[in-house]
């Protein structure tokens, strides 16, 4: 749980924006919701909030728009904020979207 209680997101997150403080807060809330039982040494516990409550639909729509852009896919030049969010704030994007980001970054355009 300690990585989620940090005052800052991982160093890989280089976004310089006003939203960074909100992302930090969401990161802490997600970690607290998911790992609250470790504070009380419980053997078994459920997350307080379901993961879907942290998913941001407008953000998903924006990322999916970027992923559908032919120029971006062929050049494999996604904006850096997409990589950073998909790695540091995984709870904001569903698995399918993170998988698409991974494929575009790691594979050639035929496989992506």
PDB file of N, CA and C in Angstrom:
ATOM      1  N   UNK A   1       0.816  -1.194   0.000  1.00  0.00           N
ATOM      2  CA  UNK A   1       0.000   0.000   0.000  1.00  0.00           C
ATOM      3  C   UNK A   1       0.861   1.261   0.000  1.00  0.00           C
ATOM      4  N   UNK A   2       2.094   1.163   0.439  1.00  0.00           N
ATOM      5  CA  UNK A   2       2.950   2.340   0.544  1.00  0.00           C
ATOM      6  C   UNK A   2       3.129   3.105  -0.762  1.00  0.00           C
ATOM      7  N   UNK A   3       3.270   2.429  -1.921  1.00  0.00           N
ATOM      8  CA  UNK A   3       3.409   3.212  -3.159  1.00  0.00           C
ATOM      9  C   UNK A   3       2.209   4.115  -3.433  1.00  0.00           C
ATOM     10  N   UNK A   4       1.040   3.738  -2.939  1.00  0.00           N
ATOM     11  CA  UNK A   4      -0.151   4.542  -3.182  1.00  0.00           C
ATOM     12  C   UNK A   4      -0.278   5.699  -2.199  1.00  0.00           C
ATOM     13  N   UNK A   5       0.413   5.636  -1.084  1.00  0.00           N
ATOM     14  CA  UNK A   5       0.319   6.700  -0.087  1.00  0.00           C
ATOM     15  C   UNK A   5       1.363   7.782  -0.277  1.00  0.00           C
ATOM     16  N   UNK A   6       2.149   7.678  -1.314  1.00  0.00           N
ATOM     17  CA  UNK A   6       3.166   8.677  -1.610  1.00  0.00           C
ATOM     18  C   UNK A   6       2.503   9.995  -2.007  1.00  0.00           C
ATOM     19  N   UNK A   7       3.159  11.091  -1.688  1.00  0.00           N
ATOM     20  CA  UNK A   7       2.633  12.406  -2.052  1.00  0.00           C
ATOM     21  C   UNK A   7       2.764  12.679  -3.543  1.00  0.00           C
ATOM     22  N   UNK A   8       3.552  11.883  -4.242  1.00  0.00           N
ATOM     23  CA  UNK A   8       3.786  12.126  -5.656  1.00  0.00           C
ATOM     24  C   UNK A   8       3.614  10.844  -6.441  1.00  0.00           C
ATOM     25  N   UNK A   9       3.236  11.000  -7.674  1.00  0.00           N
ATOM     26  CA  UNK A   9       3.149   9.866  -8.583  1.00  0.00           C
ATOM     27  C   UNK A   9       4.564   9.409  -8.932  1.00  0.00           C
ATOM     28  N   UNK A  10       4.719   8.249  -9.543  1.00  0.00           N
ATOM     29  CA  UNK A  10       6.062   7.786  -9.923  1.00  0.00           C
ATOM     30  C   UNK A  10       6.792   8.814 -10.791  1.00  0.00           C
ATOM     31  N   UNK A  11       8.107   8.756 -10.769  1.00  0.00           N
ATOM     32  CA  UNK A  11       8.920   9.719 -11.515  1.00  0.00           C
ATOM     33  C   UNK A  11       8.712   9.628 -13.013  1.00  0.00           C
ATOM     34  N   UNK A  12       8.159   8.521 -13.488  1.00  0.00           N
ATOM     35  CA  UNK A  12       7.888   8.394 -14.922  1.00  0.00           C
ATOM     36  C   UNK A  12       6.793   9.353 -15.368  1.00  0.00           C
ATOM     37  N   UNK A  13       6.037   9.895 -14.424  1.00  0.00           N
ATOM     38  CA  UNK A  13       4.971  10.843 -14.739  1.00  0.00           C
ATOM     39  C   UNK A  13       5.570  12.241 -14.783  1.00  0.00           C
ATOM     40  N   UNK A  14       5.774  12.752 -16.000  1.00  0.00           N
ATOM     41  CA  UNK A  14       6.413  14.060 -16.164  1.00  0.00           C
ATOM     42  C   UNK A  14       5.438  15.131 -16.621  1.00  0.00           C
ATOM     43  N   UNK A  15       4.160  14.855 -16.555  1.00  0.00           N
ATOM     44  CA  UNK A  15       3.155  15.837 -16.957  1.00  0.00           C
ATOM     45  C   UNK A  15       3.239  17.032 -16.017  1.00  0.00           C
ATOM     46  N   UNK A  16       3.361  18.216 -16.578  1.00  0.00           N
ATOM     47  CA  UNK A  16       3.361  19.442 -15.796  1.00  0.00           C
ATOM     48  C   UNK A  16       2.037  20.142 -16.062  1.00  0.00           C
ATOM     49  N   UNK A  17       1.073  19.869 -15.215  1.00  0.00           N
ATOM     50  CA  UNK A  17      -0.272  20.361 -15.451  1.00  0.00           C
ATOM     51  C   UNK A  17      -0.962  20.535 -14.105  1.00  0.00           C
ATOM     52  N   UNK A  18      -2.017  21.340 -14.099  1.00  0.00           N
ATOM     53  CA  UNK A  18      -2.782  21.528 -12.872  1.00  0.00           C
ATOM     54  C   UNK A  18      -3.488  20.245 -12.443  1.00  0.00           C
ATOM     55  N   UNK A  19      -3.708  19.353 -13.370  1.00  0.00           N
ATOM     56  CA  UNK A  19      -4.407  18.107 -13.046  1.00  0.00           C
ATOM     57  C   UNK A  19      -3.527  17.125 -12.280  1.00  0.00           C
ATOM     58  N   UNK A  20      -2.249  17.396 -12.159  1.00  0.00           N
ATOM     59  CA  UNK A  20      -1.338  16.475 -11.480  1.00  0.00           C
ATOM     60  C   UNK A  20      -1.722  16.273 -10.014  1.00  0.00           C
ATOM     61  N   UNK A  21      -2.157  17.338  -9.348  1.00  0.00           N
ATOM     62  CA  UNK A  21      -2.576  17.207  -7.952  1.00  0.00           C
ATOM     63  C   UNK A  21      -3.816  16.331  -7.831  1.00  0.00           C
ATOM     64  N   UNK A  22      -4.726  16.452  -8.775  1.00  0.00           N
ATOM     65  CA  UNK A  22      -5.927  15.619  -8.768  1.00  0.00           C
ATOM     66  C   UNK A  22      -5.554  14.164  -9.034  1.00  0.00           C
ATOM     67  N   UNK A  23      -4.627  13.938  -9.957  1.00  0.00           N
ATOM     68  CA  UNK A  23      -4.165  12.575 -10.221  1.00  0.00           C
ATOM     69  C   UNK A  23      -3.508  11.972  -8.981  1.00  0.00           C
ATOM     70  N   UNK A  24      -2.747  12.784  -8.252  1.00  0.00           N
ATOM     71  CA  UNK A  24      -2.147  12.307  -6.998  1.00  0.00           C
ATOM     72  C   UNK A  24      -3.221  11.900  -6.000  1.00  0.00           C
ATOM     73  N   UNK A  25      -4.241  12.728  -5.870  1.00  0.00           N
ATOM     74  CA  UNK A  25      -5.331  12.426  -4.947  1.00  0.00           C
ATOM     75  C   UNK A  25      -6.060  11.151  -5.358  1.00  0.00           C
ATOM     76  N   UNK A  26      -6.362  11.015  -6.642  1.00  0.00           N
ATOM     77  CA  UNK A  26      -7.020   9.797  -7.123  1.00  0.00           C
ATOM     78  C   UNK A  26      -6.150   8.566  -6.884  1.00  0.00           C
ATOM     79  N   UNK A  27      -4.858   8.720  -7.058  1.00  0.00           N
ATOM     80  CA  UNK A  27      -3.916   7.621  -6.820  1.00  0.00           C
ATOM     81  C   UNK A  27      -3.985   7.163  -5.362  1.00  0.00           C
ATOM     82  N   UNK A  28      -4.006   8.110  -4.433  1.00  0.00           N
ATOM     83  CA  UNK A  28      -4.095   7.785  -3.006  1.00  0.00           C
ATOM     84  C   UNK A  28      -5.447   7.158  -2.684  1.00  0.00           C
ATOM     85  N   UNK A  29      -6.532   7.726  -3.221  1.00  0.00           N
ATOM     86  CA  UNK A  29      -7.866   7.172  -2.966  1.00  0.00           C
ATOM     87  C   UNK A  29      -7.999   5.756  -3.512  1.00  0.00           C
ATOM     88  N   UNK A  30      -7.465   5.523  -4.691  1.00  0.00           N
ATOM     89  CA  UNK A  30      -7.521   4.185  -5.275  1.00  0.00           C
ATOM     90  C   UNK A  30      -6.759   3.186  -4.399  1.00  0.00           C
ATOM     91  N   UNK A  31      -5.559   3.547  -3.997  1.00  0.00           N
ATOM     92  CA  UNK A  31      -4.763   2.654  -3.153  1.00  0.00           C
ATOM     93  C   UNK A  31      -5.417   2.392  -1.812  1.00  0.00           C
ATOM     94  N   UNK A  32      -6.004   3.424  -1.215  1.00  0.00           N
ATOM     95  CA  UNK A  32      -6.684   3.254   0.064  1.00  0.00           C
ATOM     96  C   UNK A  32      -7.901   2.358  -0.082  1.00  0.00           C
ATOM     97  N   UNK A  33      -8.660   2.561  -1.141  1.00  0.00           N
ATOM     98  CA  UNK A  33      -9.844   1.738  -1.380  1.00  0.00           C
ATOM     99  C   UNK A  33      -9.471   0.283  -1.614  1.00  0.00           C
ATOM    100  N   UNK A  34      -8.421   0.076  -2.350  1.00  0.00           N
ATOM    101  CA  UNK A  34      -8.045  -1.289  -2.734  1.00  0.00           C
ATOM    102  C   UNK A  34      -7.320  -2.046  -1.619  1.00  0.00           C
ATOM    103  N   UNK A  35      -6.479  -1.361  -0.857  1.00  0.00           N
ATOM    104  CA  UNK A  35      -5.622  -2.038   0.120  1.00  0.00           C
ATOM    105  C   UNK A  35      -5.904  -1.627   1.567  1.00  0.00           C
ATOM    106  N   UNK A  36      -7.089  -1.164   1.867  1.00  0.00           N
ATOM    107  CA  UNK A  36      -7.412  -0.699   3.213  1.00  0.00           C
ATOM    108  C   UNK A  36      -7.254  -1.797   4.258  1.00  0.00           C
ATOM    109  N   UNK A  37      -7.511  -3.028   3.897  1.00  0.00           N
ATOM    110  CA  UNK A  37      -7.428  -4.134   4.848  1.00  0.00           C
ATOM    111  C   UNK A  37      -6.027  -4.381   5.364  1.00  0.00           C
ATOM    112  N   UNK A  38      -5.021  -3.994   4.590  1.00  0.00           N
ATOM    113  CA  UNK A  38      -3.643  -4.195   5.052  1.00  0.00           C
ATOM    114  C   UNK A  38      -3.307  -3.271   6.225  1.00  0.00           C
ATOM    115  N   UNK A  39      -4.070  -2.198   6.395  1.00  0.00           N
ATOM    116  CA  UNK A  39      -3.857  -1.312   7.541  1.00  0.00           C
ATOM    117  C   UNK A  39      -4.289  -1.972   8.843  1.00  0.00           C
ATOM    118  N   UNK A  40      -5.223  -2.917   8.740  1.00  0.00           N
ATOM    119  CA  UNK A  40      -5.770  -3.587   9.920  1.00  0.00           C
ATOM    120  C   UNK A  40      -5.327  -5.046  10.013  1.00  0.00           C
ATOM    121  N   UNK A  41      -4.379  -5.442   9.221  1.00  0.00           N
ATOM    122  CA  UNK A  41      -3.866  -6.818   9.208  1.00  0.00           C
ATOM    123  C   UNK A  41      -4.966  -7.850   9.000  1.00  0.00           C
ATOM    124  N   UNK A  42      -5.895  -7.548   8.115  1.00  0.00           N
ATOM    125  CA  UNK A  42      -6.955  -8.501   7.792  1.00  0.00           C
ATOM    126  C   UNK A  42      -6.444  -9.494   6.758  1.00  0.00           C
ATOM    127  N   UNK A  43      -6.857 -10.722   6.880  1.00  0.00           N
ATOM    128  CA  UNK A  43      -6.454 -11.742   5.911  1.00  0.00           C
ATOM    129  C   UNK A  43      -7.239 -11.638   4.619  1.00  0.00           C
ATOM    130  N   UNK A  44      -8.502 -11.261   4.729  1.00  0.00           N
ATOM    131  CA  UNK A  44      -9.365 -11.201   3.553  1.00  0.00           C
ATOM    132  C   UNK A  44     -10.226  -9.946   3.623  1.00  0.00           C
ATOM    133  N   UNK A  45     -10.271  -9.218   2.527  1.00  0.00           N
ATOM    134  CA  UNK A  45     -11.096  -8.014   2.474  1.00  0.00           C
ATOM    135  C   UNK A  45     -11.383  -7.668   1.022  1.00  0.00           C
ATOM    136  N   UNK A  46     -12.438  -6.933   0.811  1.00  0.00           N
ATOM    137  CA  UNK A  46     -12.840  -6.482  -0.518  1.00  0.00           C
ATOM    138  C   UNK A  46     -12.507  -5.001  -0.651  1.00  0.00           C
ATOM    139  N   UNK A  47     -12.251  -4.523  -1.872  1.00  0.00           N
ATOM    140  CA  UNK A  47     -12.052  -3.080  -2.061  1.00  0.00           C
ATOM    141  C   UNK A  47     -13.304  -2.304  -1.651  1.00  0.00           C
ATOM    142  N   UNK A  48     -13.119  -1.120  -1.126  1.00  0.00           N
ATOM    143  CA  UNK A  48     -14.249  -0.290  -0.719  1.00  0.00           C
ATOM    144  C   UNK A  48     -15.035   0.161  -1.945  1.00  0.00           C
ATOM    145  N   UNK A  49     -14.335   0.614  -2.960  1.00  0.00           N
ATOM    146  CA  UNK A  49     -14.961   1.052  -4.208  1.00  0.00           C
ATOM    147  C   UNK A  49     -14.571   0.094  -5.325  1.00  0.00           C
ATOM    148  N   UNK A  50     -15.498  -0.126  -6.246  1.00  0.00           N
ATOM    149  CA  UNK A  50     -15.159  -0.973  -7.385  1.00  0.00           C
ATOM    150  C   UNK A  50     -14.280  -0.178  -8.346  1.00  0.00           C
ATOM    151  N   UNK A  51     -13.461  -0.862  -9.103  1.00  0.00           N
ATOM    152  CA  UNK A  51     -12.512  -0.206 -10.009  1.00  0.00           C
ATOM    153  C   UNK A  51     -13.202   0.665 -11.043  1.00  0.00           C
ATOM    154  N   UNK A  52     -14.406   0.298 -11.460  1.00  0.00           N
ATOM    155  CA  UNK A  52     -15.122   1.076 -12.472  1.00  0.00           C
ATOM    156  C   UNK A  52     -15.416   2.499 -12.017  1.00  0.00           C
ATOM    157  N   UNK A  53     -15.432   2.741 -10.728  1.00  0.00           N
ATOM    158  CA  UNK A  53     -15.704   4.086 -10.238  1.00  0.00           C
ATOM    159  C   UNK A  53     -14.517   5.025 -10.440  1.00  0.00           C
ATOM    160  N   UNK A  54     -13.363   4.491 -10.730  1.00  0.00           N
ATOM    161  CA  UNK A  54     -12.184   5.317 -10.982  1.00  0.00           C
ATOM    162  C   UNK A  54     -11.948   5.545 -12.474  1.00  0.00           C
ATOM    163  N   UNK A  55     -12.619   4.785 -13.311  1.00  0.00           N
ATOM    164  CA  UNK A  55     -12.451   4.913 -14.760  1.00  0.00           C
ATOM    165  C   UNK A  55     -13.099   6.218 -15.214  1.00  0.00           C
ATOM    166  N   UNK A  56     -12.394   6.967 -16.045  1.00  0.00           N
ATOM    167  CA  UNK A  56     -12.853   8.281 -16.507  1.00  0.00           C
ATOM    168  C   UNK A  56     -13.266   8.174 -17.974  1.00  0.00           C
ATOM    169  N   UNK A  57     -14.573   8.256 -18.241  1.00  0.00           N
ATOM    170  CA  UNK A  57     -15.097   8.022 -19.587  1.00  0.00           C
ATOM    171  C   UNK A  57     -14.622   9.044 -20.615  1.00  0.00           C
ATOM    172  N   UNK A  58     -14.546  10.312 -20.246  1.00  0.00           N
ATOM    173  CA  UNK A  58     -14.081  11.324 -21.199  1.00  0.00           C
ATOM    174  C   UNK A  58     -12.607  11.112 -21.543  1.00  0.00           C
ATOM    175  N   UNK A  59     -11.848  10.723 -20.568  1.00  0.00           N
ATOM    176  CA  UNK A  59     -10.434  10.438 -20.805  1.00  0.00           C
ATOM    177  C   UNK A  59     -10.283   9.230 -21.724  1.00  0.00           C
ATOM    178  N   UNK A  60     -11.088   8.203 -21.498  1.00  0.00           N
ATOM    179  CA  UNK A  60     -11.063   7.018 -22.357  1.00  0.00           C
ATOM    180  C   UNK A  60     -11.409   7.402 -23.788  1.00  0.00           C
ATOM    181  N   UNK A  61     -12.420   8.241 -23.948  1.00  0.00           N
ATOM    182  CA  UNK A  61     -12.821   8.681 -25.286  1.00  0.00           C
ATOM    183  C   UNK A  61     -11.678   9.434 -25.973  1.00  0.00           C
ATOM    184  N   UNK A  62     -11.014  10.320 -25.248  1.00  0.00           N
ATOM    185  CA  UNK A  62      -9.901  11.089 -25.813  1.00  0.00           C
ATOM    186  C   UNK A  62      -8.742  10.170 -26.202  1.00  0.00           C
ATOM    187  N   UNK A  63      -8.407   9.224 -25.341  1.00  0.00           N
ATOM    188  CA  UNK A  63      -7.319   8.290 -25.646  1.00  0.00           C
ATOM    189  C   UNK A  63      -7.687   7.439 -26.855  1.00  0.00           C
ATOM    190  N   UNK A  64      -8.920   6.948 -26.903  1.00  0.00           N
ATOM    191  CA  UNK A  64      -9.348   6.127 -28.040  1.00  0.00           C
ATOM    192  C   UNK A  64      -9.334   6.913 -29.345  1.00  0.00           C
ATOM    193  N   UNK A  65      -9.670   8.201 -29.293  1.00  0.00           N
ATOM    194  CA  UNK A  65      -9.566   9.042 -30.491  1.00  0.00           C
ATOM    195  C   UNK A  65      -8.123   9.095 -30.976  1.00  0.00           C
ATOM    196  N   UNK A  66      -7.206   9.275 -30.055  1.00  0.00           N
ATOM    197  CA  UNK A  66      -5.793   9.322 -30.422  1.00  0.00           C
ATOM    198  C   UNK A  66      -5.339   7.984 -31.005  1.00  0.00           C
ATOM    199  N   UNK A  67      -5.826   6.890 -30.430  1.00  0.00           N
ATOM    200  CA  UNK A  67      -5.421   5.562 -30.886  1.00  0.00           C
ATOM    201  C   UNK A  67      -5.993   5.212 -32.254  1.00  0.00           C
ATOM    202  N   UNK A  68      -7.066   5.878 -32.651  1.00  0.00           N
ATOM    203  CA  UNK A  68      -7.673   5.615 -33.959  1.00  0.00           C
ATOM    204  C   UNK A  68      -7.085   6.481 -35.066  1.00  0.00           C
ATOM    205  N   UNK A  69      -6.284   7.454 -34.698  1.00  0.00           N
ATOM    206  CA  UNK A  69      -5.675   8.341 -35.686  1.00  0.00           C
ATOM    207  C   UNK A  69      -4.633   7.555 -36.490  1.00  0.00           C
ATOM    208  N   UNK A  70      -4.832   7.488 -37.789  1.00  0.00           N
ATOM    209  CA  UNK A  70      -3.968   6.698 -38.665  1.00  0.00           C
ATOM    210  C   UNK A  70      -2.517   7.157 -38.601  1.00  0.00           C
ATOM    211  N   UNK A  71      -2.308   8.461 -38.595  1.00  0.00           N
ATOM    212  CA  UNK A  71      -0.946   9.003 -38.557  1.00  0.00           C
ATOM    213  C   UNK A  71      -0.227   8.599 -37.274  1.00  0.00           C
ATOM    214  N   UNK A  72      -0.925   8.650 -36.173  1.00  0.00           N
ATOM    215  CA  UNK A  72      -0.319   8.286 -34.890  1.00  0.00           C
ATOM    216  C   UNK A  72       0.030   6.809 -34.861  1.00  0.00           C
ATOM    217  N   UNK A  73      -0.868   5.972 -35.373  1.00  0.00           N
ATOM    218  CA  UNK A  73      -0.625   4.524 -35.359  1.00  0.00           C
ATOM    219  C   UNK A  73       0.540   4.161 -36.272  1.00  0.00           C
ATOM    220  N   UNK A  74       0.591   4.752 -37.467  1.00  0.00           N
ATOM    221  CA  UNK A  74       1.650   4.382 -38.408  1.00  0.00           C
ATOM    222  C   UNK A  74       3.025   4.888 -37.972  1.00  0.00           C
ATOM    223  N   UNK A  75       3.075   6.042 -37.336  1.00  0.00           N
ATOM    224  CA  UNK A  75       4.363   6.574 -36.884  1.00  0.00           C
ATOM    225  C   UNK A  75       4.709   6.144 -35.460  1.00  0.00           C
ATOM    226  N   UNK A  76       3.747   5.566 -34.775  1.00  0.00           N
ATOM    227  CA  UNK A  76       3.912   5.137 -33.380  1.00  0.00           C
ATOM    228  C   UNK A  76       4.328   6.303 -32.490  1.00  0.00           C
ATOM    229  N   UNK A  77       3.763   7.457 -32.748  1.00  0.00           N
ATOM    230  CA  UNK A  77       4.084   8.664 -31.989  1.00  0.00           C
ATOM    231  C   UNK A  77       2.878   9.124 -31.179  1.00  0.00           C
ATOM    232  N   UNK A  78       2.486   8.320 -30.222  1.00  0.00           N
ATOM    233  CA  UNK A  78       1.413   8.729 -29.319  1.00  0.00           C
ATOM    234  C   UNK A  78       1.912   9.848 -28.417  1.00  0.00           C
ATOM    235  N   UNK A  79       1.027  10.746 -28.011  1.00  0.00           N
ATOM    236  CA  UNK A  79       1.446  11.766 -27.044  1.00  0.00           C
ATOM    237  C   UNK A  79       1.964  11.115 -25.758  1.00  0.00           C
ATOM    238  N   UNK A  80       2.958  11.722 -25.158  1.00  0.00           N
ATOM    239  CA  UNK A  80       3.594  11.114 -23.981  1.00  0.00           C
ATOM    240  C   UNK A  80       2.637  10.981 -22.803  1.00  0.00           C
ATOM    241  N   UNK A  81       1.639  11.870 -22.707  1.00  0.00           N
ATOM    242  CA  UNK A  81       0.721  11.796 -21.576  1.00  0.00           C
ATOM    243  C   UNK A  81      -0.085  10.500 -21.590  1.00  0.00           C
ATOM    244  N   UNK A  82      -0.313   9.932 -22.780  1.00  0.00           N
ATOM    245  CA  UNK A  82      -1.062   8.676 -22.861  1.00  0.00           C
ATOM    246  C   UNK A  82      -0.231   7.542 -22.269  1.00  0.00           C
ATOM    247  N   UNK A  83       1.040   7.470 -22.631  1.00  0.00           N
ATOM    248  CA  UNK A  83       1.918   6.444 -22.056  1.00  0.00           C
ATOM    249  C   UNK A  83       2.018   6.602 -20.539  1.00  0.00           C
ATOM    250  N   UNK A  84       2.188   7.832 -20.112  1.00  0.00           N
ATOM    251  CA  UNK A  84       2.372   8.077 -18.688  1.00  0.00           C
ATOM    252  C   UNK A  84       1.129   7.712 -17.884  1.00  0.00           C
ATOM    253  N   UNK A  85      -0.044   8.075 -18.386  1.00  0.00           N
ATOM    254  CA  UNK A  85      -1.275   7.712 -17.680  1.00  0.00           C
ATOM    255  C   UNK A  85      -1.510   6.211 -17.682  1.00  0.00           C
ATOM    256  N   UNK A  86      -1.228   5.572 -18.807  1.00  0.00           N
ATOM    257  CA  UNK A  86      -1.473   4.127 -18.872  1.00  0.00           C
ATOM    258  C   UNK A  86      -0.509   3.349 -17.982  1.00  0.00           C
ATOM    259  N   UNK A  87       0.638   3.928 -17.650  1.00  0.00           N
ATOM    260  CA  UNK A  87       1.594   3.255 -16.763  1.00  0.00           C
ATOM    261  C   UNK A  87       1.434   3.657 -15.303  1.00  0.00           C
ATOM    262  N   UNK A  88       1.237   4.939 -15.036  1.00  0.00           N
ATOM    263  CA  UNK A  88       1.224   5.425 -13.655  1.00  0.00           C
ATOM    264  C   UNK A  88      -0.157   5.448 -13.022  1.00  0.00           C
ATOM    265  N   UNK A  89      -1.181   5.641 -13.825  1.00  0.00           N
ATOM    266  CA  UNK A  89      -2.554   5.729 -13.306  1.00  0.00           C
ATOM    267  C   UNK A  89      -3.424   4.708 -14.022  1.00  0.00           C
ATOM    268  N   UNK A  90      -3.068   3.461 -13.890  1.00  0.00           N
ATOM    269  CA  UNK A  90      -3.753   2.385 -14.613  1.00  0.00           C
ATOM    270  C   UNK A  90      -5.230   2.312 -14.284  1.00  0.00           C
ATOM    271  N   UNK A  91      -5.610   2.779 -13.136  1.00  0.00           N
ATOM    272  CA  UNK A  91      -7.000   2.704 -12.707  1.00  0.00           C
ATOM    273  C   UNK A  91      -7.914   3.634 -13.499  1.00  0.00           C
ATOM    274  N   UNK A  92      -7.360   4.610 -14.211  1.00  0.00           N
ATOM    275  CA  UNK A  92      -8.179   5.544 -14.990  1.00  0.00           C
ATOM    276  C   UNK A  92      -8.627   4.976 -16.328  1.00  0.00           C
ATOM    277  N   UNK A  93      -7.916   3.985 -16.832  1.00  0.00           N
ATOM    278  CA  UNK A  93      -8.198   3.424 -18.152  1.00  0.00           C
ATOM    279  C   UNK A  93      -8.511   1.938 -18.032  1.00  0.00           C
ATOM    280  N   UNK A  94      -9.486   1.462 -18.808  1.00  0.00           N
ATOM    281  CA  UNK A  94      -9.780   0.022 -18.767  1.00  0.00           C
ATOM    282  C   UNK A  94      -8.656  -0.783 -19.422  1.00  0.00           C
ATOM    283  N   UNK A  95      -8.648  -2.051 -19.153  1.00  0.00           N
ATOM    284  CA  UNK A  95      -7.596  -2.938 -19.655  1.00  0.00           C
ATOM    285  C   UNK A  95      -7.507  -2.915 -21.179  1.00  0.00           C
ATOM    286  N   UNK A  96      -8.642  -2.860 -21.862  1.00  0.00           N
ATOM    287  CA  UNK A  96      -8.637  -2.867 -23.333  1.00  0.00           C
ATOM    288  C   UNK A  96      -7.869  -1.665 -23.881  1.00  0.00           C
ATOM    289  N   UNK A  97      -8.086  -0.503 -23.290  1.00  0.00           N
ATOM    290  CA  UNK A  97      -7.407   0.709 -23.754  1.00  0.00           C
ATOM    291  C   UNK A  97      -5.914   0.633 -23.459  1.00  0.00           C
ATOM    292  N   UNK A  98      -5.552   0.180 -22.271  1.00  0.00           N
ATOM    293  CA  UNK A  98      -4.128   0.038 -21.940  1.00  0.00           C
ATOM    294  C   UNK A  98      -3.453  -0.982 -22.844  1.00  0.00           C
ATOM    295  N   UNK A  99      -4.187  -2.015 -23.218  1.00  0.00           N
ATOM    296  CA  UNK A  99      -3.640  -3.028 -24.125  1.00  0.00           C
ATOM    297  C   UNK A  99      -3.373  -2.427 -25.502  1.00  0.00           C
ATOM    298  N   UNK A 100      -4.282  -1.582 -25.993  1.00  0.00           N
ATOM    299  CA  UNK A 100      -4.069  -0.912 -27.278  1.00  0.00           C
ATOM    300  C   UNK A 100      -2.839  -0.007 -27.232  1.00  0.00           C
ATOM    301  N   UNK A 101      -2.695   0.736 -26.153  1.00  0.00           N
ATOM    302  CA  UNK A 101      -1.522   1.609 -26.003  1.00  0.00           C
ATOM    303  C   UNK A 101      -0.248   0.769 -26.032  1.00  0.00           C
ATOM    304  N   UNK A 102      -0.254  -0.341 -25.328  1.00  0.00           N
ATOM    305  CA  UNK A 102       0.905  -1.229 -25.299  1.00  0.00           C
ATOM    306  C   UNK A 102       1.227  -1.749 -26.696  1.00  0.00           C
ATOM    307  N   UNK A 103       0.212  -2.196 -27.432  1.00  0.00           N
ATOM    308  CA  UNK A 103       0.444  -2.747 -28.770  1.00  0.00           C
ATOM    309  C   UNK A 103       1.006  -1.697 -29.719  1.00  0.00           C
ATOM    310  N   UNK A 104       0.487  -0.491 -29.647  1.00  0.00           N
ATOM    311  CA  UNK A 104       0.982   0.559 -30.538  1.00  0.00           C
ATOM    312  C   UNK A 104       2.423   0.924 -30.184  1.00  0.00           C
ATOM    313  N   UNK A 105       2.732   0.926 -28.915  1.00  0.00           N
ATOM    314  CA  UNK A 105       4.090   1.293 -28.509  1.00  0.00           C
ATOM    315  C   UNK A 105       5.104   0.187 -28.801  1.00  0.00           C
ATOM    316  N   UNK A 106       4.724  -1.058 -28.617  1.00  0.00           N
ATOM    317  CA  UNK A 106       5.689  -2.153 -28.683  1.00  0.00           C
ATOM    318  C   UNK A 106       5.783  -2.874 -30.023  1.00  0.00           C
ATOM    319  N   UNK A 107       4.724  -2.874 -30.806  1.00  0.00           N
ATOM    320  CA  UNK A 107       4.720  -3.662 -32.031  1.00  0.00           C
ATOM    321  C   UNK A 107       4.726  -2.771 -33.261  1.00  0.00           C
ATOM    322  N   UNK A 108       5.101  -3.354 -34.399  1.00  0.00           N
ATOM    323  CA  UNK A 108       5.056  -2.603 -35.645  1.00  0.00           C
ATOM    324  C   UNK A 108       3.598  -2.371 -36.049  1.00  0.00           C
ATOM    325  N   UNK A 109       3.383  -1.529 -37.057  1.00  0.00           N
ATOM    326  CA  UNK A 109       2.018  -1.112 -37.375  1.00  0.00           C
ATOM    327  C   UNK A 109       1.135  -2.249 -37.865  1.00  0.00           C
ATOM    328  N   UNK A 110       1.694  -3.283 -38.494  1.00  0.00           N
ATOM    329  CA  UNK A 110       0.869  -4.400 -38.947  1.00  0.00           C
ATOM    330  C   UNK A 110       0.315  -5.181 -37.761  1.00  0.00           C
ATOM    331  N   UNK A 111       1.107  -5.316 -36.728  1.00  0.00           N
ATOM    332  CA  UNK A 111       0.665  -6.072 -35.561  1.00  0.00           C
ATOM    333  C   UNK A 111      -0.171  -5.226 -34.620  1.00  0.00           C
ATOM    334  N   UNK A 112       0.016  -3.908 -34.640  1.00  0.00           N
ATOM    335  CA  UNK A 112      -0.759  -3.030 -33.757  1.00  0.00           C
ATOM    336  C   UNK A 112      -2.163  -2.907 -34.279  1.00  0.00           C
TER     337      UNK A 112
END
